[in-house]
């Protein structure tokens, strides 16, 4: 039977202490979706696994994607059929078996602009898209006249389309999915440690035999031994390879993707949309009471921990989406902005928009595996390939990958609970929409969340300043989901930092005080966390009015990194 999946302060402390004399098979570096996937894959093969992440789970690329589980319609045009087929199979697994509580269908309108040739061309592509992945639970695409398309999306300009097609994909909250993936790995015995940084790799000759790690929260250091180290550091892949003292088999380039978030009422549509641009495509994605619009695709060589969106990035998105909207979006409509970095496999001089989204696995030295590239949707396949490559450094008899059979925590029993929302709402004196919202975030862990309010009914009240969330959700993030800082709570366990018009400034103090007893914060620490979060928001706002990447990066870096402050506190 799986163990507890809880990632609270006590579990983290126990996990750190256990490293002193642990017999580790696989040390995973990086707590994004690939690292969490590798940890689950290795743990479910019976291996002793430790995952370390220098910041928060999903704090890099894996919280800043387009939040889609999709085959990648545009890759059909690039004739990359194998990537699309693989991604569509993974999408179906997520929808039906692995994460039905986190991954759900979403429809997209493809507006046609050319009367003669475009409809048969797009129809051929969508027919392939409907059939390539094998069994599917989503509806097939359908044809729309201009009138039919405008009935679904009245907010479009009538002269912006000659007709349309409607097709289906899937979406998920990427940060929550990654965190639940890491919790599932923990439930199968993996030790999951956010805020633990690898500061060196240890060698025996040319073989990598372990690592030196530092607890970012306390400054403590340990050296641990591991039969194999798997580098899942994403855009930091090359830095980890440098620590190994050798040369990697591939280089990773960072491509910046920016998205904006606007209120749902700013675009009158019952469906998402996909728009062609001169470089790629632009998505308009339903997101609760909001829309996510993006993305860009530009080279980024500046700070990788905190990529900044510039005015030019935001203008690009607004200019392109406004070509089809009857009521154009303005800067004043924007509630949130986020920028993420795609780790793309690099050749010599290609533009990032043309680099491959396929992944690569290498064993540059005995005892070290590196994996990079790929796309969020195919994380499970990437993880399996990485662990397979590590088998040469592990004892014989390790089994094959079984993660296609492993539901994430919260998946089992989710459908049954979904049929009981009215009863659950009555029992907890909550509106039905609240229960639905909670089920889509926690699945069958819902009871575990609500039980925290059994002794304090006030925890079932909305969080002031971010009323879409209940206070108990912030508490649960600290007790069970590995959150260690206010930024973790507002940017990843919830998405308040991109959904609230003030980006979470108003609720920051209340949120910090809710978790202070759990995380051991005194009044001074609460004030420090709130000040650091507000400084982050101010710096992001300043960066987003700067004309270019260089100026935007400088403004963003004006805000202190809260985990760097943690190190300072630990060393005082």
Protein backbone atom coordinates (compact mmCIF):
# COMPACT_ATOMS: atom_id res chain seq x y z
CA UNK A 1 0.00 0.00 0.00
CA UNK A 2 1.24 3.53 -0.75
CA UNK A 3 2.38 5.60 2.22
CA UNK A 4 1.22 9.07 3.21
CA UNK A 5 1.75 11.64 0.47
CA UNK A 6 1.98 14.49 2.98
CA UNK A 7 4.78 17.03 2.37
CA UNK A 8 4.64 19.12 5.53
CA UNK A 9 7.38 20.70 7.68
CA UNK A 10 7.73 17.56 9.80
CA UNK A 11 8.08 15.31 6.74
CA UNK A 12 10.67 17.67 5.26
CA UNK A 13 12.70 17.72 8.48
CA UNK A 14 12.56 13.93 8.75
CA UNK A 15 13.54 13.58 5.10
CA UNK A 16 16.55 15.85 5.57
CA UNK A 17 17.70 13.90 8.64
CA UNK A 18 17.32 10.61 6.78
CA UNK A 19 19.92 11.66 4.19
CA UNK A 20 22.77 11.21 6.67
CA UNK A 21 22.91 7.43 6.28
CA UNK A 22 20.48 6.79 3.44
CA UNK A 23 21.17 4.09 0.87
CA UNK A 24 20.14 6.05 -2.21
CA UNK A 25 19.66 4.47 -5.60
CA UNK A 26 18.56 7.57 -7.53
CA UNK A 27 19.18 11.22 -6.68
CA UNK A 28 16.93 13.44 -8.81
CA UNK A 29 17.97 17.07 -9.29
CA UNK A 30 15.04 19.35 -10.12
CA UNK A 31 11.46 19.53 -8.86
CA UNK A 32 9.71 20.41 -12.09
CA UNK A 33 7.39 18.05 -13.89
CA UNK A 34 10.25 15.98 -15.35
CA UNK A 35 12.04 15.57 -12.02
CA UNK A 36 8.81 14.72 -10.20
CA UNK A 37 7.98 12.27 -12.98
CA UNK A 38 11.41 10.62 -12.69
CA UNK A 39 11.00 10.35 -8.91
CA UNK A 40 7.65 8.60 -9.30
CA UNK A 41 8.91 6.32 -12.07
CA UNK A 42 11.97 5.24 -10.09
CA UNK A 43 10.08 4.84 -6.80
CA UNK A 44 7.43 2.65 -8.41
CA UNK A 45 10.18 0.40 -9.75
CA UNK A 46 11.22 -0.25 -6.15
CA UNK A 47 14.21 2.10 -6.06
CA UNK A 48 15.23 4.32 -3.14
CA UNK A 49 14.75 7.86 -4.45
CA UNK A 50 15.60 11.35 -3.21
CA UNK A 51 14.40 14.42 -5.13
CA UNK A 52 15.93 17.82 -4.37
CA UNK A 53 14.75 21.18 -5.70
CA UNK A 54 16.63 24.40 -4.94
CA UNK A 55 13.46 26.50 -4.85
CA UNK A 56 9.84 25.35 -4.80
CA UNK A 57 8.22 22.46 -6.63
CA UNK A 58 7.33 23.65 -10.14
CA UNK A 59 8.89 27.06 -9.45
CA UNK A 60 10.51 27.23 -12.87
CA UNK A 61 9.08 26.26 -16.24
CA UNK A 62 6.50 23.87 -14.79
CA UNK A 63 4.36 26.63 -13.29
CA UNK A 64 4.60 28.98 -16.26
CA UNK A 65 3.35 26.99 -19.23
CA UNK A 66 0.22 27.44 -21.34
CA UNK A 67 -1.38 24.95 -18.92
CA UNK A 68 -2.41 22.56 -21.67
CA UNK A 69 -2.12 18.81 -22.07
CA UNK A 70 -2.11 18.75 -25.83
CA UNK A 71 -0.64 17.00 -28.79
CA UNK A 72 0.70 20.21 -30.27
CA UNK A 73 -1.38 20.93 -33.34
CA UNK A 74 1.36 23.07 -34.86
CA UNK A 75 3.82 20.14 -34.81
CA UNK A 76 1.69 18.44 -37.47
CA UNK A 77 2.70 21.23 -39.86
CA UNK A 78 6.31 20.46 -39.01
CA UNK A 79 5.59 16.80 -39.94
CA UNK A 80 6.56 15.73 -36.41
CA UNK A 81 3.96 12.98 -36.30
CA UNK A 82 5.70 10.84 -33.68
CA UNK A 83 5.74 13.68 -31.13
CA UNK A 84 2.06 14.45 -31.72
CA UNK A 85 1.04 10.79 -31.51
CA UNK A 86 2.97 10.31 -28.28
CA UNK A 87 1.52 13.47 -26.71
CA UNK A 88 -2.04 12.54 -27.65
CA UNK A 89 -1.65 9.14 -26.01
CA UNK A 90 -0.40 10.83 -22.86
CA UNK A 91 -3.29 13.29 -22.94
CA UNK A 92 -5.77 10.40 -22.99
CA UNK A 93 -4.02 8.68 -20.07
CA UNK A 94 -4.21 11.87 -18.00
CA UNK A 95 -7.90 12.42 -18.76
CA UNK A 96 -9.01 8.87 -18.03
CA UNK A 97 -6.66 7.20 -15.57
CA UNK A 98 -3.75 9.18 -14.18
CA UNK A 99 -5.15 12.61 -13.32
CA UNK A 100 -8.86 13.01 -14.18
CA UNK A 101 -9.24 15.35 -11.17
CA UNK A 102 -6.58 17.73 -12.51
CA UNK A 103 -6.80 17.41 -16.31
CA UNK A 104 -10.05 18.27 -18.08
CA UNK A 105 -11.31 18.86 -21.62
CA UNK A 106 -11.20 22.30 -23.21
CA UNK A 107 -12.54 23.32 -26.62
CA UNK A 108 -10.85 25.63 -29.11
CA UNK A 109 -12.24 27.54 -32.05
CA UNK A 110 -9.95 27.73 -35.06
CA UNK A 111 -11.16 30.77 -37.05
CA UNK A 112 -10.79 30.41 -40.81
CA UNK A 113 -9.75 33.52 -42.72
CA UNK A 114 -9.51 32.20 -46.29
CA UNK A 115 -12.63 30.96 -48.01
CA UNK A 116 -11.30 28.34 -50.42
CA UNK A 117 -8.11 26.50 -49.49
CA UNK A 118 -7.95 26.89 -45.71
CA UNK A 119 -10.91 24.75 -44.62
CA UNK A 120 -9.78 21.51 -46.34
CA UNK A 121 -6.20 22.13 -45.18
CA UNK A 122 -7.15 22.61 -41.51
CA UNK A 123 -9.74 19.82 -41.68
CA UNK A 124 -7.07 17.39 -42.85
CA UNK A 125 -4.85 18.39 -39.94
CA UNK A 126 -7.61 18.11 -37.35
CA UNK A 127 -8.71 14.74 -38.75
CA UNK A 128 -5.17 13.49 -38.14
CA UNK A 129 -5.22 15.10 -34.70
CA UNK A 130 -8.46 13.29 -33.86
CA UNK A 131 -7.17 9.86 -34.86
CA UNK A 132 -3.40 9.71 -34.25
CA UNK A 133 -3.44 9.01 -30.52
CA UNK A 134 -5.61 5.91 -30.66
CA UNK A 135 -8.49 5.64 -28.17
CA UNK A 136 -9.88 9.00 -27.13
CA UNK A 137 -12.46 10.33 -24.70
CA UNK A 138 -12.75 13.77 -26.31
CA UNK A 139 -15.23 14.68 -29.06
CA UNK A 140 -13.97 14.91 -32.61
CA UNK A 141 -13.66 18.25 -34.34
CA UNK A 142 -16.64 19.78 -36.11
CA UNK A 143 -17.17 22.28 -38.89
CA UNK A 144 -18.69 25.70 -38.28
CA UNK A 145 -20.05 28.35 -40.58
CA UNK A 146 -19.20 31.96 -39.81
CA UNK A 147 -22.60 32.33 -38.12
CA UNK A 148 -22.00 29.17 -36.07
CA UNK A 149 -18.54 30.34 -35.03
CA UNK A 150 -19.87 33.75 -33.99
CA UNK A 151 -22.63 32.08 -32.00
CA UNK A 152 -19.93 30.37 -29.91
CA UNK A 153 -17.66 33.41 -29.82
CA UNK A 154 -19.72 36.61 -30.20
CA UNK A 155 -16.71 38.65 -29.13
CA UNK A 156 -14.99 38.06 -32.48
CA UNK A 157 -15.12 40.66 -35.25
CA UNK A 158 -17.39 39.44 -38.01
CA UNK A 159 -14.83 40.36 -40.67
CA UNK A 160 -12.09 38.43 -38.80
CA UNK A 161 -13.29 35.03 -39.96
CA UNK A 162 -14.95 33.28 -42.87
CA UNK A 163 -15.93 30.22 -40.85
CA UNK A 164 -14.32 27.99 -38.28
CA UNK A 165 -13.63 24.57 -36.81
CA UNK A 166 -14.08 23.50 -33.20
CA UNK A 167 -11.71 20.93 -31.72
CA UNK A 168 -10.87 19.62 -28.26
CA UNK A 169 -7.75 19.36 -26.14
CA UNK A 170 -7.12 19.24 -22.39
CA UNK A 171 -5.85 21.62 -19.74
CA UNK A 172 -4.54 21.54 -16.18
CA UNK A 173 -3.07 23.78 -13.53
CA UNK A 174 0.56 22.91 -14.24
CA UNK A 175 1.93 23.83 -10.80
CA UNK A 176 -0.72 21.79 -8.99
CA UNK A 177 -0.22 18.84 -11.30
CA UNK A 178 3.55 18.86 -10.72
CA UNK A 179 3.09 19.15 -6.95
CA UNK A 180 0.57 16.27 -6.94
CA UNK A 181 3.02 14.23 -9.02
CA UNK A 182 5.73 14.84 -6.42
CA UNK A 183 3.30 13.90 -3.62
CA UNK A 184 2.48 10.68 -5.47
CA UNK A 185 6.20 9.90 -5.63
CA UNK A 186 6.38 10.51 -1.88
CA UNK A 187 3.49 8.11 -1.34
CA UNK A 188 5.59 5.39 -2.99
CA UNK A 189 8.58 6.09 -0.76
CA UNK A 190 10.49 8.90 -2.49
CA UNK A 191 12.01 11.58 -0.25
CA UNK A 192 10.95 14.95 -1.72
CA UNK A 193 12.90 17.98 -0.51
CA UNK A 194 12.12 21.48 -1.82
CA UNK A 195 14.54 24.27 -0.85
CA UNK A 196 17.52 21.93 -1.05
CA UNK A 197 20.26 22.93 -3.49
CA UNK A 198 22.96 20.77 -5.05
CA UNK A 199 26.23 22.64 -4.56
CA UNK A 200 28.58 19.96 -5.86
CA UNK A 201 28.71 16.50 -7.38
CA UNK A 202 31.12 13.96 -5.92
CA UNK A 203 33.23 11.69 -8.09
CA UNK A 204 35.22 8.51 -7.88
CA UNK A 205 37.47 8.90 -10.89
CA UNK A 206 35.13 9.65 -13.77
CA UNK A 207 32.07 8.20 -12.02
CA UNK A 208 29.53 10.42 -10.28
CA UNK A 209 28.79 8.84 -6.90
CA UNK A 210 26.74 11.46 -5.07
CA UNK A 211 26.33 15.12 -4.28
CA UNK A 212 26.80 17.81 -1.71
CA UNK A 213 23.49 19.46 -0.85
CA UNK A 214 22.55 22.52 1.20
CA UNK A 215 19.27 23.13 3.00
CA UNK A 216 18.42 26.61 1.72
CA UNK A 217 16.19 27.25 4.75
CA UNK A 218 18.79 26.48 7.44
CA UNK A 219 22.19 26.60 5.74
CA UNK A 220 22.95 23.01 6.81
CA UNK A 221 25.03 20.92 4.42
CA UNK A 222 25.29 17.20 3.80
CA UNK A 223 27.16 14.94 1.41
CA UNK A 224 25.20 11.96 0.22
CA UNK A 225 26.01 8.92 -1.85
CA UNK A 226 23.87 7.72 -4.73
CA UNK A 227 24.23 4.99 -7.31
CA UNK A 228 23.04 7.36 -10.02
CA UNK A 229 22.22 11.07 -10.30
CA UNK A 230 19.54 12.13 -12.79
CA UNK A 231 19.80 15.75 -13.90
CA UNK A 232 16.29 17.12 -14.51
CA UNK A 233 17.20 20.77 -14.05
CA UNK A 234 15.56 22.11 -17.22
CA UNK A 235 17.12 25.41 -18.22
CA UNK A 236 19.80 24.78 -15.55
CA UNK A 237 20.85 21.47 -17.16
CA UNK A 238 24.20 22.81 -18.36
CA UNK A 239 25.03 24.25 -14.91
CA UNK A 240 24.60 20.82 -13.29
CA UNK A 241 26.76 19.28 -16.00
CA UNK A 242 29.45 21.88 -15.16
CA UNK A 243 29.34 20.75 -11.51
CA UNK A 244 30.13 17.24 -12.75
CA UNK A 245 33.35 18.56 -14.21
CA UNK A 246 32.66 17.07 -17.62
CA UNK A 247 31.16 18.13 -20.89
CA UNK A 248 27.52 17.36 -21.63
CA UNK A 249 26.21 15.66 -24.75
CA UNK A 250 23.84 18.50 -25.59
CA UNK A 251 23.23 22.16 -24.82
CA UNK A 252 19.98 23.67 -23.61
CA UNK A 253 18.72 27.00 -24.88
CA UNK A 254 16.09 28.99 -23.00
CA UNK A 255 13.11 30.29 -24.95
CA UNK A 256 10.90 32.80 -23.14
CA UNK A 257 7.14 32.38 -23.32
CA UNK A 258 4.94 35.16 -21.92
CA UNK A 259 1.22 34.93 -21.12
CA UNK A 260 -1.28 37.50 -19.92
CA UNK A 261 -4.40 36.87 -17.79
CA UNK A 262 -7.59 38.90 -18.27
CA UNK A 263 -11.08 38.69 -16.73
CA UNK A 264 -13.52 36.30 -18.39
CA UNK A 265 -15.97 39.09 -19.26
CA UNK A 266 -13.40 40.90 -21.42
CA UNK A 267 -13.76 38.31 -24.20
CA UNK A 268 -17.29 37.18 -25.03
CA UNK A 269 -16.84 33.52 -25.94
CA UNK A 270 -17.98 30.09 -24.82
CA UNK A 271 -14.83 28.45 -26.12
CA UNK A 272 -11.09 28.95 -26.23
CA UNK A 273 -9.44 30.02 -29.47
CA UNK A 274 -6.27 29.29 -31.37
CA UNK A 275 -4.96 32.00 -33.70
CA UNK A 276 -2.17 31.77 -36.24
CA UNK A 277 0.65 34.31 -36.02
CA UNK A 278 3.58 34.93 -38.34
CA UNK A 279 5.84 32.92 -35.99
CA UNK A 280 3.62 30.32 -34.33
CA UNK A 281 0.15 30.25 -32.76
CA UNK A 282 -1.58 32.27 -30.06
CA UNK A 283 -3.95 30.59 -27.59
CA UNK A 284 -6.90 32.16 -25.81
CA UNK A 285 -7.52 29.66 -23.02
CA UNK A 286 -10.45 29.56 -20.57
CA UNK A 287 -9.14 29.65 -17.00
CA UNK A 288 -11.94 29.67 -14.43
CA UNK A 289 -13.21 33.24 -14.28
CA UNK A 290 -10.32 34.40 -16.45
CA UNK A 291 -8.68 33.94 -19.85
CA UNK A 292 -5.02 33.12 -20.39
CA UNK A 293 -3.67 34.58 -23.64
CA UNK A 294 -0.26 33.67 -25.05
CA UNK A 295 2.42 32.95 -25.88
CA UNK A 296 5.63 34.48 -27.16
CA UNK A 297 8.73 32.57 -28.25
CA UNK A 298 11.99 34.52 -27.95
CA UNK A 299 15.56 33.71 -26.98
CA UNK A 300 16.45 34.49 -23.34
CA UNK A 301 19.99 34.66 -21.96
CA UNK A 302 19.41 36.68 -18.76
CA UNK A 303 18.35 35.62 -15.23
CA UNK A 304 16.84 32.14 -15.41
CA UNK A 305 15.22 32.04 -11.99
CA UNK A 306 13.02 35.08 -12.58
CA UNK A 307 12.45 35.66 -16.31
CA UNK A 308 10.81 39.01 -16.94
CA UNK A 309 8.07 40.00 -19.35
CA UNK A 310 8.69 43.32 -21.10
CA UNK A 311 6.28 45.83 -22.59
CA UNK A 312 7.25 44.50 -26.02
CA UNK A 313 6.14 40.97 -25.04
CA UNK A 314 2.78 42.19 -23.76
CA UNK A 315 2.22 44.44 -26.77
CA UNK A 316 2.92 41.50 -29.07
CA UNK A 317 0.19 39.44 -27.40
CA UNK A 318 -2.32 42.30 -27.33
CA UNK A 319 -1.64 43.26 -30.95
CA UNK A 320 -2.22 39.73 -32.18
CA UNK A 321 -5.31 38.89 -30.16
CA UNK A 322 -6.87 42.26 -30.96
CA UNK A 323 -6.80 41.50 -34.69
CA UNK A 324 -9.85 39.28 -34.13
CA UNK A 325 -11.65 40.87 -31.16
CA UNK A 326 -14.62 43.21 -31.60
CA UNK A 327 -13.68 44.95 -28.32
CA UNK A 328 -9.88 45.12 -28.15
CA UNK A 329 -8.05 44.30 -24.94
CA UNK A 330 -5.97 47.06 -23.33
CA UNK A 331 -3.20 47.08 -20.76
CA UNK A 332 -5.78 48.10 -18.16
CA UNK A 333 -7.62 44.80 -18.68
CA UNK A 334 -4.61 42.72 -17.65
CA UNK A 335 -4.85 41.06 -14.24
CA UNK A 336 -1.69 38.98 -14.37
CA UNK A 337 1.38 38.36 -16.47
CA UNK A 338 3.82 35.46 -16.26
CA UNK A 339 6.97 34.52 -18.13
CA UNK A 340 8.45 31.04 -18.35
CA UNK A 341 11.48 29.50 -20.01
CA UNK A 342 11.24 26.47 -22.28
CA UNK A 343 14.36 24.27 -22.13
CA UNK A 344 14.98 23.56 -25.81
CA UNK A 345 17.69 21.36 -27.23
CA UNK A 346 20.15 23.61 -29.01
CA UNK A 347 22.12 23.20 -32.15
CA UNK A 348 24.36 25.96 -33.40
CA UNK A 349 22.29 28.98 -34.39
CA UNK A 350 18.63 28.10 -34.85
CA UNK A 351 15.93 30.49 -33.73
CA UNK A 352 14.27 29.14 -30.60
CA UNK A 353 10.91 28.95 -32.41
CA UNK A 354 12.35 26.28 -34.72
CA UNK A 355 14.18 24.20 -32.11
CA UNK A 356 12.90 20.73 -31.35
CA UNK A 357 10.34 20.05 -28.61
CA UNK A 358 11.49 16.43 -28.51
CA UNK A 359 13.57 15.33 -25.57
CA UNK A 360 17.00 13.78 -25.34
CA UNK A 361 18.62 11.58 -22.70
CA UNK A 362 22.37 11.24 -22.29
CA UNK A 363 24.81 9.50 -19.98
CA UNK A 364 27.77 11.89 -20.24
CA UNK A 365 29.60 10.14 -17.39
CA UNK A 366 29.06 6.92 -15.47
CA UNK A 367 26.59 7.58 -12.69
CA UNK A 368 25.09 10.69 -14.30
CA UNK A 369 22.03 10.88 -16.55
CA UNK A 370 20.83 14.14 -18.09
CA UNK A 371 17.44 14.69 -19.69
CA UNK A 372 16.31 17.86 -21.40
CA UNK A 373 13.94 19.24 -24.00
CA UNK A 374 10.49 17.79 -24.43
CA UNK A 375 7.13 19.27 -23.54
CA UNK A 376 4.99 19.18 -20.43
CA UNK A 377 2.46 16.74 -21.89
CA UNK A 378 5.08 14.03 -22.44
CA UNK A 379 6.74 14.24 -19.02
CA UNK A 380 5.87 10.60 -18.18
CA UNK A 381 7.58 9.24 -21.32
CA UNK A 382 10.60 11.46 -20.63
CA UNK A 383 10.81 10.15 -17.07
CA UNK A 384 10.63 6.52 -18.21
CA UNK A 385 13.42 7.10 -20.75
CA UNK A 386 15.63 8.72 -18.10
CA UNK A 387 15.19 5.88 -15.60
CA UNK A 388 15.73 3.30 -18.36
CA UNK A 389 19.01 5.02 -19.21
CA UNK A 390 20.02 4.85 -15.53
CA UNK A 391 19.59 1.07 -15.31
CA UNK A 392 23.19 0.50 -16.38
CA UNK A 393 24.29 2.16 -13.10
CA UNK A 394 21.77 0.28 -10.93
CA UNK A 395 21.61 -3.28 -9.62
CA UNK A 396 20.15 -5.85 -11.99
CA UNK A 397 16.52 -6.87 -11.68
CA UNK A 398 14.94 -3.40 -11.66
CA UNK A 399 11.48 -3.66 -13.21
CA UNK A 400 9.98 -1.84 -16.16
CA UNK A 401 8.08 1.46 -16.02
CA UNK A 402 4.58 1.14 -14.55
CA UNK A 403 3.54 4.80 -14.29
CA UNK A 404 0.92 4.41 -17.02
CA UNK A 405 -0.97 2.40 -14.40
CA UNK A 406 -0.41 4.73 -11.43
CA UNK A 407 -3.12 7.35 -10.69
CA UNK A 408 -1.89 10.50 -9.01
CA UNK A 409 -3.00 11.13 -5.44
CA UNK A 410 -6.57 12.42 -5.45
CA UNK A 411 -7.57 10.54 -8.61
CA UNK A 412 -9.03 7.41 -7.02
CA UNK A 413 -12.62 8.03 -6.05
CA UNK A 414 -12.76 11.42 -7.73
CA UNK A 415 -15.58 10.54 -10.14
CA UNK A 416 -17.74 9.21 -7.29
CA UNK A 417 -17.22 12.38 -5.27
CA UNK A 418 -18.05 14.47 -8.34
CA UNK A 419 -21.48 12.86 -8.32
CA UNK A 420 -21.97 13.92 -4.69
CA UNK A 421 -21.22 17.64 -4.90
CA UNK A 422 -24.68 18.69 -3.72
CA UNK A 423 -24.47 16.47 -0.64
CA UNK A 424 -20.94 17.65 0.17
CA UNK A 425 -22.03 21.27 -0.23
CA UNK A 426 -24.93 20.79 2.19
CA UNK A 427 -22.77 19.04 4.77
CA UNK A 428 -20.14 21.78 4.74
CA UNK A 429 -22.59 24.68 4.24
CA UNK A 430 -20.75 25.74 1.12
CA UNK A 431 -22.08 26.63 -2.34
CA UNK A 432 -21.95 23.80 -4.87
CA UNK A 433 -19.52 25.75 -7.06
CA UNK A 434 -17.06 25.83 -4.15
CA UNK A 435 -17.12 22.05 -3.84
CA UNK A 436 -16.64 21.69 -7.59
CA UNK A 437 -13.70 24.11 -7.45
CA UNK A 438 -12.13 22.17 -4.58
CA UNK A 439 -12.67 18.80 -6.27
CA UNK A 440 -10.89 20.07 -9.39
CA UNK A 441 -7.91 21.06 -7.24
CA UNK A 442 -7.71 18.20 -4.74
CA UNK A 443 -9.82 15.36 -6.12
CA UNK A 444 -10.54 12.71 -3.50
CA UNK A 445 -8.17 14.46 -1.07
CA UNK A 446 -11.05 16.90 -0.53
CA UNK A 447 -11.99 15.36 2.84
CA UNK A 448 -8.38 15.70 4.01
CA UNK A 449 -8.50 19.41 3.16
CA UNK A 450 -11.86 20.10 4.79
CA UNK A 451 -10.98 18.16 7.95
CA UNK A 452 -8.51 20.93 8.80
CA UNK A 453 -11.55 23.17 9.38
CA UNK A 454 -13.25 20.76 11.79
CA UNK A 455 -11.85 22.60 14.79
CA UNK A 456 -12.02 26.07 13.24
CA UNK A 457 -15.02 26.83 11.04
CA UNK A 458 -13.50 30.20 10.08
CA UNK A 459 -11.12 28.32 7.79
CA UNK A 460 -14.05 27.69 5.45
CA UNK A 461 -14.37 31.44 4.90
CA UNK A 462 -13.00 33.02 1.70
CA UNK A 463 -9.51 34.51 1.86
CA UNK A 464 -10.02 38.31 1.99
CA UNK A 465 -8.73 39.86 -1.22
CA UNK A 466 -8.77 36.53 -3.09
CA UNK A 467 -12.28 35.24 -2.52
CA UNK A 468 -12.10 32.41 -5.06
CA UNK A 469 -10.01 30.53 -2.47
CA UNK A 470 -10.87 29.41 1.07
CA UNK A 471 -8.55 30.05 4.00
CA UNK A 472 -8.25 26.31 4.56
CA UNK A 473 -6.54 25.93 1.18
CA UNK A 474 -3.65 28.10 2.35
CA UNK A 475 -3.34 26.09 5.56
CA UNK A 476 -3.40 22.80 3.65
CA UNK A 477 -0.68 24.06 1.30
CA UNK A 478 1.62 24.44 4.29
CA UNK A 479 0.61 21.25 6.13
CA UNK A 480 0.48 18.84 3.18
CA UNK A 481 1.77 20.40 -0.07
CA UNK A 482 5.34 21.45 0.71
CA UNK A 483 4.85 25.24 0.66
CA UNK A 484 7.57 26.99 2.69
CA UNK A 485 7.15 30.65 1.71
CA UNK A 486 4.37 33.11 0.98
CA UNK A 487 5.44 33.17 -2.66
CA UNK A 488 4.88 29.39 -2.84
CA UNK A 489 1.33 29.88 -1.55
CA UNK A 490 0.24 32.75 -3.79
CA UNK A 491 2.09 31.89 -6.98
CA UNK A 492 1.84 28.08 -7.17
CA UNK A 493 -0.39 26.35 -4.58
CA UNK A 494 -2.98 28.94 -5.55
CA UNK A 495 -2.70 31.15 -8.65
CA UNK A 496 -3.60 34.38 -6.83
CA UNK A 497 -0.47 36.09 -8.14
CA UNK A 498 -1.83 36.00 -11.69
CA UNK A 499 -5.58 35.92 -11.03
CA UNK A 500 -6.10 38.84 -8.63
CA UNK A 501 -5.97 42.30 -10.16
CA UNK A 502 -3.62 43.44 -7.37
CA UNK A 503 -1.66 40.17 -7.84
CA UNK A 504 -2.18 39.12 -4.23
CA UNK A 505 -0.97 42.23 -2.41
CA UNK A 506 -4.21 42.67 -0.44
CA UNK A 507 -4.37 39.07 0.80
CA UNK A 508 -0.65 38.64 1.48
CA UNK A 509 -0.74 39.52 5.20
CA UNK A 510 -3.78 37.30 5.92
CA UNK A 511 -2.24 34.41 3.99
CA UNK A 512 1.05 34.71 5.85
CA UNK A 513 -0.66 34.77 9.25
CA UNK A 514 -2.71 31.68 8.39
CA UNK A 515 0.42 29.57 7.87
CA UNK A 516 2.66 31.22 10.46
CA UNK A 517 1.87 28.70 13.26
CA UNK A 518 2.51 25.77 10.93
CA UNK A 519 5.79 27.07 9.52
CA UNK A 520 7.02 28.53 12.82
CA UNK A 521 6.96 32.18 11.76
CA UNK A 522 7.00 34.97 14.33
CA UNK A 523 5.67 38.48 13.62
CA UNK A 524 9.01 39.60 12.22
CA UNK A 525 9.14 36.66 9.82
CA UNK A 526 5.54 37.30 8.71
CA UNK A 527 6.42 40.92 7.97
CA UNK A 528 9.52 39.82 6.05
CA UNK A 529 7.59 37.33 3.90
CA UNK A 530 4.88 39.90 3.12
CA UNK A 531 7.44 42.61 2.30
CA UNK A 532 9.37 40.26 0.02
CA UNK A 533 6.19 39.22 -1.80
CA UNK A 534 5.04 42.80 -2.29
CA UNK A 535 8.51 43.73 -3.54
CA UNK A 536 8.28 40.90 -6.06
CA UNK A 537 4.92 42.17 -7.34
CA UNK A 538 6.23 45.74 -7.59
CA UNK A 539 9.33 44.59 -9.46
CA UNK A 540 7.27 42.52 -11.90
CA UNK A 541 4.96 45.46 -12.57
CA UNK A 542 7.97 47.72 -13.19
CA UNK A 543 9.59 45.17 -15.50
CA UNK A 544 6.41 44.94 -17.58
CA UNK A 545 6.54 48.59 -18.61
CA UNK A 546 10.16 48.41 -19.72
CA UNK A 547 10.67 48.33 -23.50
CA UNK A 548 13.04 45.36 -23.80
CA UNK A 549 14.43 42.27 -22.09
CA UNK A 550 17.55 43.93 -20.69
CA UNK A 551 15.67 46.70 -18.92
CA UNK A 552 12.88 44.35 -17.80
CA UNK A 553 15.41 41.91 -16.33
CA UNK A 554 17.13 44.69 -14.37
CA UNK A 555 13.82 45.84 -12.85
CA UNK A 556 12.74 42.29 -11.94
CA UNK A 557 16.02 41.60 -10.16
CA UNK A 558 15.46 44.62 -7.91
CA UNK A 559 13.24 42.40 -5.75
CA UNK A 560 15.07 40.11 -3.30
CA UNK A 561 14.71 36.36 -3.72
CA UNK A 562 12.92 35.11 -0.60
CA UNK A 563 14.99 31.92 -0.53
CA UNK A 564 18.21 33.94 -0.64
CA UNK A 565 16.85 35.81 2.38
CA UNK A 566 16.24 32.46 4.06
CA UNK A 567 19.92 31.62 3.67
CA UNK A 568 20.83 34.98 5.18
CA UNK A 569 18.59 34.31 8.18
CA UNK A 570 20.08 30.87 8.65
CA UNK A 571 23.63 32.23 8.71
CA UNK A 572 22.92 35.15 11.08
